[in-house]
Amino acid sequence: MHNSNICVKTFNDNPEYIKVLLQKWYRKKAIAFFQEIIPPIQNTFYSLGIIPSDYHYRRMKRKWGSCSTSGVITLNTDLIKAEIPAINYIVIHELCHIKHFNHGEEFKALLSSVYPNWKNVKKTLDVIPGW
């Protein structure tokens, strides 16, 4: 991270207004970025027969992502604050849940086969601003 400051210029200096404004901006940037990086990652999983049914994007307080039993992957829009390898890790992690809906050995084996460095990258998520 080169600079951890964001300058917001607005006529309304109410902190809650600025917070909502920033969250909307992060959401817009996050969705655009996710839609750009997901297709190449997803292609690897298509070749493995792993196909998500849909993607949703929303702000979550306690999770970076989730996968429903119907194959819907939800990504936390605050993930945009992470480094690109960490974002890739979350997308890959959730795609692995389509095949293995737990964190057992088969899940970890699949995750490791697709993203061998996942353990190191996962650690970087603990230092995201606001978490």
Protein backbone atom coordinates (compact mmCIF):
# COMPACT_ATOMS: atom_id res chain seq x y z
CA MET A 1 0.00 0.00 0.00
CA HIS A 2 1.52 3.28 -1.09
CA ASN A 3 -0.80 5.72 0.63
CA SER A 4 -3.48 4.92 3.17
CA ASN A 5 -5.31 8.26 2.97
CA ILE A 6 -8.37 9.18 0.96
CA CYS A 7 -9.35 12.81 0.60
CA VAL A 8 -13.10 13.38 0.32
CA LYS A 9 -14.31 16.76 -0.87
CA THR A 10 -17.97 17.42 -0.26
CA PHE A 11 -20.26 20.25 0.75
CA ASN A 12 -21.68 18.09 3.53
CA ASP A 13 -19.16 17.53 6.33
CA ASN A 14 -21.39 15.19 8.34
CA PRO A 15 -19.21 12.13 9.21
CA GLU A 16 -22.09 9.69 8.63
CA TYR A 17 -22.76 11.17 5.20
CA ILE A 18 -19.09 10.86 4.29
CA LYS A 19 -19.00 7.27 5.59
CA VAL A 20 -21.98 6.30 3.42
CA LEU A 21 -20.47 8.12 0.45
CA LEU A 22 -17.20 6.20 0.85
CA GLN A 23 -19.00 2.88 1.23
CA LYS A 24 -20.91 3.51 -2.00
CA TRP A 25 -17.66 4.42 -3.75
CA TYR A 26 -15.90 1.29 -2.45
CA ARG A 27 -18.86 -0.86 -3.54
CA LYS A 28 -18.82 0.57 -7.08
CA LYS A 29 -15.06 0.11 -7.40
CA ALA A 30 -15.19 -3.37 -5.87
CA ILE A 31 -17.92 -4.69 -8.19
CA ALA A 32 -16.14 -3.36 -11.27
CA PHE A 33 -12.85 -4.89 -10.14
CA PHE A 34 -14.38 -8.25 -9.18
CA GLN A 35 -16.09 -8.50 -12.56
CA GLU A 36 -12.72 -7.92 -14.20
CA ILE A 37 -10.68 -10.48 -12.23
CA ILE A 38 -13.25 -13.26 -11.79
CA PRO A 39 -13.46 -14.58 -15.40
CA PRO A 40 -9.80 -15.70 -15.68
CA ILE A 41 -9.95 -17.35 -12.24
CA GLN A 42 -13.28 -18.93 -13.05
CA ASN A 43 -11.90 -20.47 -16.26
CA THR A 44 -9.57 -22.65 -14.19
CA PHE A 45 -12.54 -23.93 -12.23
CA TYR A 46 -14.66 -24.50 -15.34
CA SER A 47 -11.99 -26.92 -16.54
CA LEU A 48 -12.46 -28.76 -13.21
CA GLY A 49 -16.24 -28.88 -13.65
CA ILE A 50 -16.78 -26.31 -10.88
CA ILE A 51 -19.28 -23.68 -11.98
CA PRO A 52 -20.85 -21.07 -9.69
CA SER A 53 -24.53 -20.30 -10.22
CA ASP A 54 -24.12 -16.56 -9.58
CA TYR A 55 -22.12 -13.86 -7.83
CA HIS A 56 -23.45 -11.34 -5.34
CA TYR A 57 -21.61 -8.39 -3.84
CA ARG A 58 -22.36 -6.80 -0.49
CA ARG A 59 -20.70 -5.40 2.59
CA MET A 60 -20.28 -8.02 5.31
CA LYS A 61 -19.09 -7.33 8.84
CA ARG A 62 -17.44 -10.67 9.60
CA LYS A 63 -16.68 -12.48 6.33
CA TRP A 64 -14.68 -11.80 3.20
CA GLY A 65 -16.85 -14.11 1.16
CA SER A 66 -19.33 -16.95 1.28
CA CYS A 67 -20.69 -19.73 -0.90
CA SER A 68 -24.25 -21.02 -0.63
CA THR A 69 -25.20 -24.65 -1.15
CA SER A 70 -26.76 -23.58 -4.47
CA GLY A 71 -23.39 -22.26 -5.69
CA VAL A 72 -23.99 -18.53 -5.22
CA ILE A 73 -20.75 -16.79 -4.25
CA THR A 74 -21.02 -13.57 -2.27
CA LEU A 75 -18.00 -11.30 -2.02
CA ASN A 76 -17.54 -8.59 0.58
CA THR A 77 -17.17 -5.22 -1.13
CA ASP A 78 -14.66 -4.17 1.56
CA LEU A 79 -12.35 -6.76 0.02
CA ILE A 80 -11.38 -4.05 -2.48
CA LYS A 81 -9.13 -2.69 0.30
CA ALA A 82 -6.98 -5.84 0.11
CA GLU A 83 -4.01 -6.58 -2.11
CA ILE A 84 -4.82 -8.35 -5.40
CA PRO A 85 -3.38 -11.75 -4.32
CA ALA A 86 -5.69 -11.69 -1.27
CA ILE A 87 -8.73 -10.87 -3.42
CA ASN A 88 -7.78 -13.73 -5.75
CA TYR A 89 -7.44 -16.02 -2.74
CA ILE A 90 -10.97 -15.24 -1.51
CA VAL A 91 -12.49 -15.82 -4.96
CA ILE A 92 -10.59 -19.11 -5.29
CA HIS A 93 -11.48 -20.14 -1.72
CA GLU A 94 -15.19 -19.63 -2.37
CA LEU A 95 -15.04 -21.42 -5.72
CA CYS A 96 -13.48 -24.41 -3.94
CA HIS A 97 -16.52 -24.50 -1.65
CA ILE A 98 -18.73 -25.34 -4.60
CA LYS A 99 -17.06 -28.77 -4.71
CA HIS A 100 -16.21 -29.16 -1.00
CA PHE A 101 -18.63 -27.37 1.30
CA ASN A 102 -16.30 -27.50 4.32
CA HIS A 103 -12.67 -26.84 5.22
CA GLY A 104 -11.61 -30.48 5.28
CA GLU A 105 -8.58 -32.11 3.71
CA GLU A 106 -10.16 -32.43 0.23
CA PHE A 107 -11.03 -28.73 0.28
CA LYS A 108 -7.48 -27.80 1.31
CA ALA A 109 -6.01 -30.11 -1.34
CA LEU A 110 -8.12 -28.47 -4.07
CA LEU A 111 -7.27 -24.98 -2.79
CA SER A 112 -3.56 -25.84 -2.68
CA SER A 113 -3.63 -27.29 -6.19
CA VAL A 114 -5.14 -24.10 -7.60
CA TYR A 115 -3.39 -21.57 -5.35
CA PRO A 116 -0.28 -23.10 -3.70
CA ASN A 117 0.66 -19.93 -1.78
CA TRP A 118 -2.78 -19.48 -0.19
CA LYS A 119 -1.60 -19.84 3.43
CA ASN A 120 0.79 -16.89 3.15
CA VAL A 121 -1.69 -14.75 1.25
CA LYS A 122 -4.46 -15.48 3.78
CA LYS A 123 -2.37 -13.83 6.52
CA THR A 124 -2.44 -10.51 4.67
CA LEU A 125 -6.20 -10.24 5.16
CA ASP A 126 -5.74 -9.68 8.89
CA VAL A 127 -4.24 -6.23 8.34
CA ILE A 128 -6.88 -4.65 6.09
CA PRO A 129 -7.87 -1.14 7.28
CA GLY A 130 -11.13 -1.18 9.16
CA TRP A 131 -10.93 -4.86 10.11
